[in-house]
Amino acid sequence: MPPCLTNGCTVSAHPPGLTLVWTDIPEESESGFNDWYNREHMRDRVLGVPGFISGRRFVAFEGTPKYLAVYRTASIDVFRSEPYLALQRLPDDHSRRYIPLFRGTIKGFCRITAEYGEGEGTRLALVMLTLPGGDRTALRLSAAADILSGLVACRDVVAARLAECDRDVVQTVTTQFTRKGDRFVDCVLMIEAISEQGLRTALCGLNARALGACGASVDGKPALFNQLLGFHAPARYADGR
């Protein structure tokens, strides 16, 4: 079990992994892209790669790009595993068709370094953070001590998470990609809620002073999403066996 701080926020010595793919797609390819993602692409990862715990798809109702996929894994090492890297080296026919069509794509291979609450909401806010010369340890501790609990204190908010991108993992994985040149996040805050108002209230109360004290700042305007789909792996896959 991860150590639990007194305010209910967990900071783990062995944090879960998270990868996100946030992208636009040309309108003429949108229907086929969604069908592929819903029926094949996400399912192949969550149900086919040991260590994947869940995969969820979202569509933005405020902000861009339009589509977001978020996967949770037992650890960030899952992205270095041969089953995962094989998917990158040898994409299936539909992946080879649709992935080159992605536009304005933002990705991340991250550790979930602090989280408050266990819920998954039907609404999600994604807040990208930048830390030019900032202190990740200080950000992590501030998130655990103050920032995340303040977000979850808002009505209809069920969880908040801080995820930090690992550039070494990015380098390992992207050498396998057929696609190059996408942008990668530095850190992200993810706010889960059951209502749009809950997200907006949480964002209005986000502690910018605490972020600034760690050398962090919000990178661009937060995006707000509705959930489209979710997959959860059976325990025999999610535990990495």
C-alpha atoms as a PDB file:
ATOM      1  CA  MET A   1       0.000   0.000   0.000  1.00  0.00           C
ATOM      2  CA  PRO A   2       1.280   3.516  -0.733  1.00  0.00           C
ATOM      3  CA  PRO A   3       1.954   5.827   2.181  1.00  0.00           C
ATOM      4  CA  CYS A   4      -1.100   7.943   2.946  1.00  0.00           C
ATOM      5  CA  LEU A   5      -0.810  11.540   4.080  1.00  0.00           C
ATOM      6  CA  THR A   6      -3.096  12.851   6.797  1.00  0.00           C
ATOM      7  CA  ASN A   7      -5.303  14.736   4.356  1.00  0.00           C
ATOM      8  CA  GLY A   8      -6.116  11.565   2.405  1.00  0.00           C
ATOM      9  CA  CYS A   9      -3.763  12.117  -0.521  1.00  0.00           C
ATOM     10  CA  THR A  10      -1.542   9.203  -1.527  1.00  0.00           C
ATOM     11  CA  VAL A  11       2.055   9.503  -2.672  1.00  0.00           C
ATOM     12  CA  SER A  12       3.482   6.129  -3.665  1.00  0.00           C
ATOM     13  CA  ALA A  13       7.062   4.897  -3.692  1.00  0.00           C
ATOM     14  CA  HIS A  14       5.993   2.748  -6.666  1.00  0.00           C
ATOM     15  CA  PRO A  15       3.519   4.987  -8.494  1.00  0.00           C
ATOM     16  CA  PRO A  16       1.140   3.828 -11.210  1.00  0.00           C
ATOM     17  CA  GLY A  17       1.896   4.730 -14.799  1.00  0.00           C
ATOM     18  CA  LEU A  18      -0.206   6.853 -17.096  1.00  0.00           C
ATOM     19  CA  THR A  19      -0.030   7.554 -20.783  1.00  0.00           C
ATOM     20  CA  LEU A  20      -2.191  10.020 -22.652  1.00  0.00           C
ATOM     21  CA  VAL A  21      -2.785  10.742 -26.323  1.00  0.00           C
ATOM     22  CA  TRP A  22      -4.594  14.001 -27.085  1.00  0.00           C
ATOM     23  CA  THR A  23      -5.267  14.679 -30.743  1.00  0.00           C
ATOM     24  CA  ASP A  24      -7.413  16.066 -33.519  1.00  0.00           C
ATOM     25  CA  ILE A  25      -8.380  14.078 -36.600  1.00  0.00           C
ATOM     26  CA  PRO A  26      -9.569  15.332 -40.003  1.00  0.00           C
ATOM     27  CA  GLU A  27     -13.361  15.499 -40.144  1.00  0.00           C
ATOM     28  CA  GLU A  28     -13.601  13.174 -43.146  1.00  0.00           C
ATOM     29  CA  SER A  29     -11.788  10.439 -41.170  1.00  0.00           C
ATOM     30  CA  GLU A  30     -13.485  11.017 -37.822  1.00  0.00           C
ATOM     31  CA  SER A  31     -16.118   8.296 -38.017  1.00  0.00           C
ATOM     32  CA  GLY A  32     -13.646   5.568 -38.944  1.00  0.00           C
ATOM     33  CA  PHE A  33     -11.129   6.830 -36.373  1.00  0.00           C
ATOM     34  CA  ASN A  34     -13.703   6.591 -33.584  1.00  0.00           C
ATOM     35  CA  ASP A  35     -14.847   3.137 -34.616  1.00  0.00           C
ATOM     36  CA  TRP A  36     -11.230   1.899 -34.714  1.00  0.00           C
ATOM     37  CA  TYR A  37     -10.389   3.443 -31.346  1.00  0.00           C
ATOM     38  CA  ASN A  38     -13.523   2.102 -29.668  1.00  0.00           C
ATOM     39  CA  ARG A  39     -13.485  -1.423 -31.103  1.00  0.00           C
ATOM     40  CA  GLU A  40      -9.784  -2.189 -31.533  1.00  0.00           C
ATOM     41  CA  HIS A  41      -7.099   0.258 -30.495  1.00  0.00           C
ATOM     42  CA  MET A  42      -7.942   0.809 -26.837  1.00  0.00           C
ATOM     43  CA  ARG A  43      -9.155  -2.734 -26.300  1.00  0.00           C
ATOM     44  CA  ASP A  44      -5.908  -4.185 -27.708  1.00  0.00           C
ATOM     45  CA  ARG A  45      -3.884  -2.279 -25.134  1.00  0.00           C
ATOM     46  CA  VAL A  46      -6.026  -2.657 -22.040  1.00  0.00           C
ATOM     47  CA  LEU A  47      -6.908  -6.306 -22.585  1.00  0.00           C
ATOM     48  CA  GLY A  48      -3.787  -7.359 -24.457  1.00  0.00           C
ATOM     49  CA  VAL A  49      -0.784  -5.847 -22.658  1.00  0.00           C
ATOM     50  CA  PRO A  50       0.074  -7.119 -19.159  1.00  0.00           C
ATOM     51  CA  GLY A  51       0.204  -4.289 -16.651  1.00  0.00           C
ATOM     52  CA  PHE A  52      -2.513  -2.143 -18.223  1.00  0.00           C
ATOM     53  CA  ILE A  53      -5.250  -1.353 -15.697  1.00  0.00           C
ATOM     54  CA  SER A  54      -7.689   0.818 -17.628  1.00  0.00           C
ATOM     55  CA  GLY A  55      -8.222   2.909 -20.716  1.00  0.00           C
ATOM     56  CA  ARG A  56     -10.674   5.771 -21.121  1.00  0.00           C
ATOM     57  CA  ARG A  57     -11.664   7.982 -24.042  1.00  0.00           C
ATOM     58  CA  PHE A  58     -12.907  11.550 -23.844  1.00  0.00           C
ATOM     59  CA  VAL A  59     -14.196  14.234 -26.208  1.00  0.00           C
ATOM     60  CA  ALA A  60     -13.566  17.899 -25.461  1.00  0.00           C
ATOM     61  CA  PHE A  61     -16.470  20.273 -24.993  1.00  0.00           C
ATOM     62  CA  GLU A  62     -14.056  23.121 -24.277  1.00  0.00           C
ATOM     63  CA  GLY A  63     -10.496  23.353 -25.545  1.00  0.00           C
ATOM     64  CA  THR A  64      -8.474  21.521 -28.177  1.00  0.00           C
ATOM     65  CA  PRO A  65      -7.416  19.015 -29.449  1.00  0.00           C
ATOM     66  CA  LYS A  66     -10.779  17.240 -29.555  1.00  0.00           C
ATOM     67  CA  TYR A  67     -10.062  13.634 -28.513  1.00  0.00           C
ATOM     68  CA  LEU A  68      -8.205  12.366 -25.453  1.00  0.00           C
ATOM     69  CA  ALA A  69      -7.235   8.801 -24.531  1.00  0.00           C
ATOM     70  CA  VAL A  70      -5.873   8.082 -21.040  1.00  0.00           C
ATOM     71  CA  TYR A  71      -4.426   4.734 -19.943  1.00  0.00           C
ATOM     72  CA  ARG A  72      -3.471   3.736 -16.408  1.00  0.00           C
ATOM     73  CA  THR A  73      -0.861   1.036 -15.839  1.00  0.00           C
ATOM     74  CA  ALA A  74       0.583  -0.801 -12.848  1.00  0.00           C
ATOM     75  CA  SER A  75       3.833   1.140 -13.280  1.00  0.00           C
ATOM     76  CA  ILE A  76       5.655   3.211 -15.848  1.00  0.00           C
ATOM     77  CA  ASP A  77       7.827   0.174 -16.627  1.00  0.00           C
ATOM     78  CA  VAL A  78       4.900  -1.296 -18.584  1.00  0.00           C
ATOM     79  CA  PHE A  79       5.821   1.154 -21.364  1.00  0.00           C
ATOM     80  CA  ARG A  80       9.280  -0.427 -21.562  1.00  0.00           C
ATOM     81  CA  SER A  81       7.881  -3.961 -21.744  1.00  0.00           C
ATOM     82  CA  GLU A  82       8.222  -6.034 -24.889  1.00  0.00           C
ATOM     83  CA  PRO A  83       4.434  -6.528 -25.380  1.00  0.00           C
ATOM     84  CA  TYR A  84       3.916  -2.754 -25.394  1.00  0.00           C
ATOM     85  CA  LEU A  85       6.948  -1.921 -27.534  1.00  0.00           C
ATOM     86  CA  ALA A  86       5.916  -4.601 -30.027  1.00  0.00           C
ATOM     87  CA  LEU A  87       2.648  -2.725 -30.613  1.00  0.00           C
ATOM     88  CA  GLN A  88       4.685   0.358 -31.484  1.00  0.00           C
ATOM     89  CA  ARG A  89       7.126  -1.469 -33.756  1.00  0.00           C
ATOM     90  CA  LEU A  90       4.497  -3.517 -35.589  1.00  0.00           C
ATOM     91  CA  PRO A  91       1.270  -1.502 -35.784  1.00  0.00           C
ATOM     92  CA  ASP A  92      -1.788  -3.186 -37.255  1.00  0.00           C
ATOM     93  CA  ASP A  93      -3.313  -2.066 -40.538  1.00  0.00           C
ATOM     94  CA  HIS A  94      -5.839   0.336 -38.977  1.00  0.00           C
ATOM     95  CA  SER A  95      -3.150   1.908 -36.789  1.00  0.00           C
ATOM     96  CA  ARG A  96      -1.008   2.496 -39.860  1.00  0.00           C
ATOM     97  CA  ARG A  97      -4.008   4.127 -41.523  1.00  0.00           C
ATOM     98  CA  TYR A  98      -5.218   6.442 -38.749  1.00  0.00           C
ATOM     99  CA  ILE A  99      -2.177   7.355 -36.639  1.00  0.00           C
ATOM    100  CA  PRO A 100      -0.522   9.326 -39.500  1.00  0.00           C
ATOM    101  CA  LEU A 101      -3.724  11.411 -39.670  1.00  0.00           C
ATOM    102  CA  PHE A 102      -3.411  12.694 -36.083  1.00  0.00           C
ATOM    103  CA  ARG A 103      -3.140  16.499 -35.893  1.00  0.00           C
ATOM    104  CA  GLY A 104      -1.864  18.760 -33.107  1.00  0.00           C
ATOM    105  CA  THR A 105      -1.046  15.685 -31.038  1.00  0.00           C
ATOM    106  CA  ILE A 106       0.114  15.917 -27.420  1.00  0.00           C
ATOM    107  CA  LYS A 107       1.323  12.840 -25.531  1.00  0.00           C
ATOM    108  CA  GLY A 108       2.751  11.809 -22.199  1.00  0.00           C
ATOM    109  CA  PHE A 109       4.384   8.805 -20.561  1.00  0.00           C
ATOM    110  CA  CYS A 110       3.984   9.603 -16.905  1.00  0.00           C
ATOM    111  CA  ARG A 111       4.004   8.493 -13.290  1.00  0.00           C
ATOM    112  CA  ILE A 112       0.961   9.353 -11.167  1.00  0.00           C
ATOM    113  CA  THR A 113       2.956  10.864  -8.327  1.00  0.00           C
ATOM    114  CA  ALA A 114       0.102  12.151  -6.146  1.00  0.00           C
ATOM    115  CA  GLU A 115      -3.635  11.495  -6.114  1.00  0.00           C
ATOM    116  CA  TYR A 116      -6.587  12.307  -3.931  1.00  0.00           C
ATOM    117  CA  GLY A 117      -9.753  10.249  -4.264  1.00  0.00           C
ATOM    118  CA  GLU A 118     -10.433   7.016  -6.119  1.00  0.00           C
ATOM    119  CA  GLY A 119     -13.334   8.057  -8.328  1.00  0.00           C
ATOM    120  CA  GLU A 120     -13.702   8.251 -12.078  1.00  0.00           C
ATOM    121  CA  GLY A 121     -16.011  11.020 -13.216  1.00  0.00           C
ATOM    122  CA  THR A 122     -18.048  11.450 -16.359  1.00  0.00           C
ATOM    123  CA  ARG A 123     -16.334  14.838 -16.741  1.00  0.00           C
ATOM    124  CA  LEU A 124     -12.593  15.510 -16.807  1.00  0.00           C
ATOM    125  CA  ALA A 125     -10.453  18.639 -16.736  1.00  0.00           C
ATOM    126  CA  LEU A 126      -6.884  18.402 -18.020  1.00  0.00           C
ATOM    127  CA  VAL A 127      -4.465  21.089 -16.850  1.00  0.00           C
ATOM    128  CA  MET A 128      -1.005  20.990 -18.397  1.00  0.00           C
ATOM    129  CA  LEU A 129       1.811  22.352 -16.256  1.00  0.00           C
ATOM    130  CA  THR A 130       5.263  23.511 -17.200  1.00  0.00           C
ATOM    131  CA  LEU A 131       8.239  23.552 -14.815  1.00  0.00           C
ATOM    132  CA  PRO A 132      11.096  25.445 -16.472  1.00  0.00           C
ATOM    133  CA  GLY A 133      13.741  25.074 -13.791  1.00  0.00           C
ATOM    134  CA  GLY A 134      11.035  24.121 -11.298  1.00  0.00           C
ATOM    135  CA  ASP A 135      11.209  21.659  -8.413  1.00  0.00           C
ATOM    136  CA  ARG A 136       9.261  18.467  -9.097  1.00  0.00           C
ATOM    137  CA  THR A 137       9.686  17.213  -5.552  1.00  0.00           C
ATOM    138  CA  ALA A 138       8.273  20.447  -4.175  1.00  0.00           C
ATOM    139  CA  LEU A 139       5.371  20.288  -6.630  1.00  0.00           C
ATOM    140  CA  ARG A 140       4.628  16.705  -5.630  1.00  0.00           C
ATOM    141  CA  LEU A 141       4.627  17.546  -1.932  1.00  0.00           C
ATOM    142  CA  SER A 142       2.552  20.672  -2.466  1.00  0.00           C
ATOM    143  CA  ALA A 143       0.048  18.680  -4.501  1.00  0.00           C
ATOM    144  CA  ALA A 144      -0.175  16.105  -1.735  1.00  0.00           C
ATOM    145  CA  ALA A 145      -0.405  18.634   1.079  1.00  0.00           C
ATOM    146  CA  ASP A 146      -2.735  21.211  -0.431  1.00  0.00           C
ATOM    147  CA  ILE A 147      -3.503  21.408  -4.148  1.00  0.00           C
ATOM    148  CA  LEU A 148      -5.325  18.109  -4.775  1.00  0.00           C
ATOM    149  CA  SER A 149      -7.342  18.128  -1.565  1.00  0.00           C
ATOM    150  CA  GLY A 150      -8.493  21.660  -2.389  1.00  0.00           C
ATOM    151  CA  LEU A 151      -9.739  20.505  -5.781  1.00  0.00           C
ATOM    152  CA  VAL A 152     -11.597  17.486  -4.397  1.00  0.00           C
ATOM    153  CA  ALA A 153     -13.214  19.655  -1.727  1.00  0.00           C
ATOM    154  CA  CYS A 154     -15.308  21.206  -4.517  1.00  0.00           C
ATOM    155  CA  ARG A 155     -18.817  19.838  -4.911  1.00  0.00           C
ATOM    156  CA  ASP A 156     -19.134  17.061  -7.548  1.00  0.00           C
ATOM    157  CA  VAL A 157     -15.354  16.555  -7.816  1.00  0.00           C
ATOM    158  CA  VAL A 158     -14.474  12.912  -7.083  1.00  0.00           C
ATOM    159  CA  ALA A 159     -10.692  12.751  -7.622  1.00  0.00           C
ATOM    160  CA  ALA A 160      -7.633  14.752  -8.624  1.00  0.00           C
ATOM    161  CA  ARG A 161      -4.261  13.472  -9.798  1.00  0.00           C
ATOM    162  CA  LEU A 162      -0.806  14.798 -10.585  1.00  0.00           C
ATOM    163  CA  ALA A 163       1.126  12.974 -13.325  1.00  0.00           C
ATOM    164  CA  GLU A 164       4.752  13.713 -14.239  1.00  0.00           C
ATOM    165  CA  CYS A 165       6.228  12.790 -17.600  1.00  0.00           C
ATOM    166  CA  ASP A 166       9.408  10.664 -17.651  1.00  0.00           C
ATOM    167  CA  ARG A 167      11.653  11.805 -20.496  1.00  0.00           C
ATOM    168  CA  ASP A 168      13.755   8.637 -20.400  1.00  0.00           C
ATOM    169  CA  VAL A 169      10.658   6.544 -21.059  1.00  0.00           C
ATOM    170  CA  VAL A 170       9.592   8.952 -23.799  1.00  0.00           C
ATOM    171  CA  GLN A 171      12.957   8.431 -25.501  1.00  0.00           C
ATOM    172  CA  THR A 172      12.720   4.632 -25.188  1.00  0.00           C
ATOM    173  CA  VAL A 173       9.192   4.434 -26.569  1.00  0.00           C
ATOM    174  CA  THR A 174       9.451   7.028 -29.321  1.00  0.00           C
ATOM    175  CA  THR A 175      12.362   5.237 -30.946  1.00  0.00           C
ATOM    176  CA  GLN A 176       9.769   2.569 -31.799  1.00  0.00           C
ATOM    177  CA  PHE A 177       7.192   5.006 -33.202  1.00  0.00           C
ATOM    178  CA  THR A 178       6.451   5.202 -36.893  1.00  0.00           C
ATOM    179  CA  ARG A 179       5.203   8.723 -36.105  1.00  0.00           C
ATOM    180  CA  LYS A 180       7.641  11.460 -35.031  1.00  0.00           C
ATOM    181  CA  GLY A 181       7.519  15.062 -33.869  1.00  0.00           C
ATOM    182  CA  ASP A 182       4.584  15.079 -31.438  1.00  0.00           C
ATOM    183  CA  ARG A 183       4.620  17.318 -28.380  1.00  0.00           C
ATOM    184  CA  PHE A 184       5.060  15.749 -24.934  1.00  0.00           C
ATOM    185  CA  VAL A 185       3.695  17.108 -21.678  1.00  0.00           C
ATOM    186  CA  ASP A 186       5.847  18.018 -18.686  1.00  0.00           C
ATOM    187  CA  CYS A 187       3.267  17.497 -15.918  1.00  0.00           C
ATOM    188  CA  VAL A 188      -0.523  17.371 -15.863  1.00  0.00           C
ATOM    189  CA  LEU A 189      -3.260  17.810 -13.302  1.00  0.00           C
ATOM    190  CA  MET A 190      -6.363  15.698 -13.947  1.00  0.00           C
ATOM    191  CA  ILE A 191      -9.600  16.625 -12.204  1.00  0.00           C
ATOM    192  CA  GLU A 192     -12.472  14.101 -12.217  1.00  0.00           C
ATOM    193  CA  ALA A 193     -16.037  15.266 -11.603  1.00  0.00           C
ATOM    194  CA  ILE A 194     -19.640  14.246 -12.163  1.00  0.00           C
ATOM    195  CA  SER A 195     -20.721  17.666 -13.454  1.00  0.00           C
ATOM    196  CA  GLU A 196     -19.403  20.469 -15.618  1.00  0.00           C
ATOM    197  CA  GLN A 197     -20.008  22.913 -12.793  1.00  0.00           C
ATOM    198  CA  GLY A 198     -17.831  20.830 -10.512  1.00  0.00           C
ATOM    199  CA  LEU A 199     -14.937  21.120 -12.950  1.00  0.00           C
ATOM    200  CA  ARG A 200     -15.383  24.851 -13.365  1.00  0.00           C
ATOM    201  CA  THR A 201     -15.539  25.448  -9.621  1.00  0.00           C
ATOM    202  CA  ALA A 202     -12.383  23.400  -9.089  1.00  0.00           C
ATOM    203  CA  LEU A 203     -10.508  25.241 -11.837  1.00  0.00           C
ATOM    204  CA  CYS A 204     -11.517  28.616 -10.408  1.00  0.00           C
ATOM    205  CA  GLY A 205     -10.107  27.545  -7.043  1.00  0.00           C
ATOM    206  CA  LEU A 206      -6.862  26.037  -8.373  1.00  0.00           C
ATOM    207  CA  ASN A 207      -4.063  27.280  -6.136  1.00  0.00           C
ATOM    208  CA  ALA A 208      -1.878  29.165  -8.608  1.00  0.00           C
ATOM    209  CA  ARG A 209       0.218  30.557  -5.750  1.00  0.00           C
ATOM    210  CA  ALA A 210       1.144  27.055  -4.581  1.00  0.00           C
ATOM    211  CA  LEU A 211       2.061  26.090  -8.148  1.00  0.00           C
ATOM    212  CA  GLY A 212       4.181  29.187  -8.561  1.00  0.00           C
ATOM    213  CA  ALA A 213       6.040  28.518  -5.332  1.00  0.00           C
ATOM    214  CA  CYS A 214       7.262  25.263  -6.900  1.00  0.00           C
ATOM    215  CA  GLY A 215       8.310  26.962 -10.136  1.00  0.00           C
ATOM    216  CA  ALA A 216       5.265  25.549 -11.980  1.00  0.00           C
ATOM    217  CA  SER A 217       2.700  27.370 -14.084  1.00  0.00           C
ATOM    218  CA  VAL A 218      -0.358  26.423 -16.091  1.00  0.00           C
ATOM    219  CA  ASP A 219       0.584  25.800 -19.726  1.00  0.00           C
ATOM    220  CA  GLY A 220      -2.272  27.031 -21.891  1.00  0.00           C
ATOM    221  CA  LYS A 221      -5.974  26.979 -21.153  1.00  0.00           C
ATOM    222  CA  PRO A 222      -7.359  23.891 -19.340  1.00  0.00           C
ATOM    223  CA  ALA A 223      -9.492  21.588 -21.475  1.00  0.00           C
ATOM    224  CA  LEU A 224     -12.809  20.084 -20.367  1.00  0.00           C
ATOM    225  CA  PHE A 225     -14.053  16.694 -21.540  1.00  0.00           C
ATOM    226  CA  ASN A 226     -16.992  14.303 -21.503  1.00  0.00           C
ATOM    227  CA  GLN A 227     -16.151  10.612 -21.180  1.00  0.00           C
ATOM    228  CA  LEU A 228     -16.992   8.466 -24.198  1.00  0.00           C
ATOM    229  CA  LEU A 229     -15.797   4.996 -23.236  1.00  0.00           C
ATOM    230  CA  GLY A 230     -13.876   3.024 -20.655  1.00  0.00           C
ATOM    231  CA  PHE A 231     -12.165  -0.379 -20.469  1.00  0.00           C
ATOM    232  CA  HIS A 232     -10.862  -2.039 -17.296  1.00  0.00           C
ATOM    233  CA  ALA A 233      -8.518  -5.009 -17.463  1.00  0.00           C
ATOM    234  CA  PRO A 234      -9.203  -8.248 -15.581  1.00  0.00           C
ATOM    235  CA  ALA A 235      -6.962  -8.589 -12.532  1.00  0.00           C
ATOM    236  CA  ARG A 236      -4.821 -11.274 -14.198  1.00  0.00           C
ATOM    237  CA  TYR A 237      -3.716  -8.680 -16.772  1.00  0.00           C
ATOM    238  CA  ALA A 238      -3.614  -5.555 -14.627  1.00  0.00           C
ATOM    239  CA  ASP A 239      -1.169  -7.033 -12.118  1.00  0.00           C
ATOM    240  CA  GLY A 240       1.405  -7.450 -14.883  1.00  0.00           C
ATOM    241  CA  ARG A 241       1.388 -11.265 -15.059  1.00  0.00           C
END
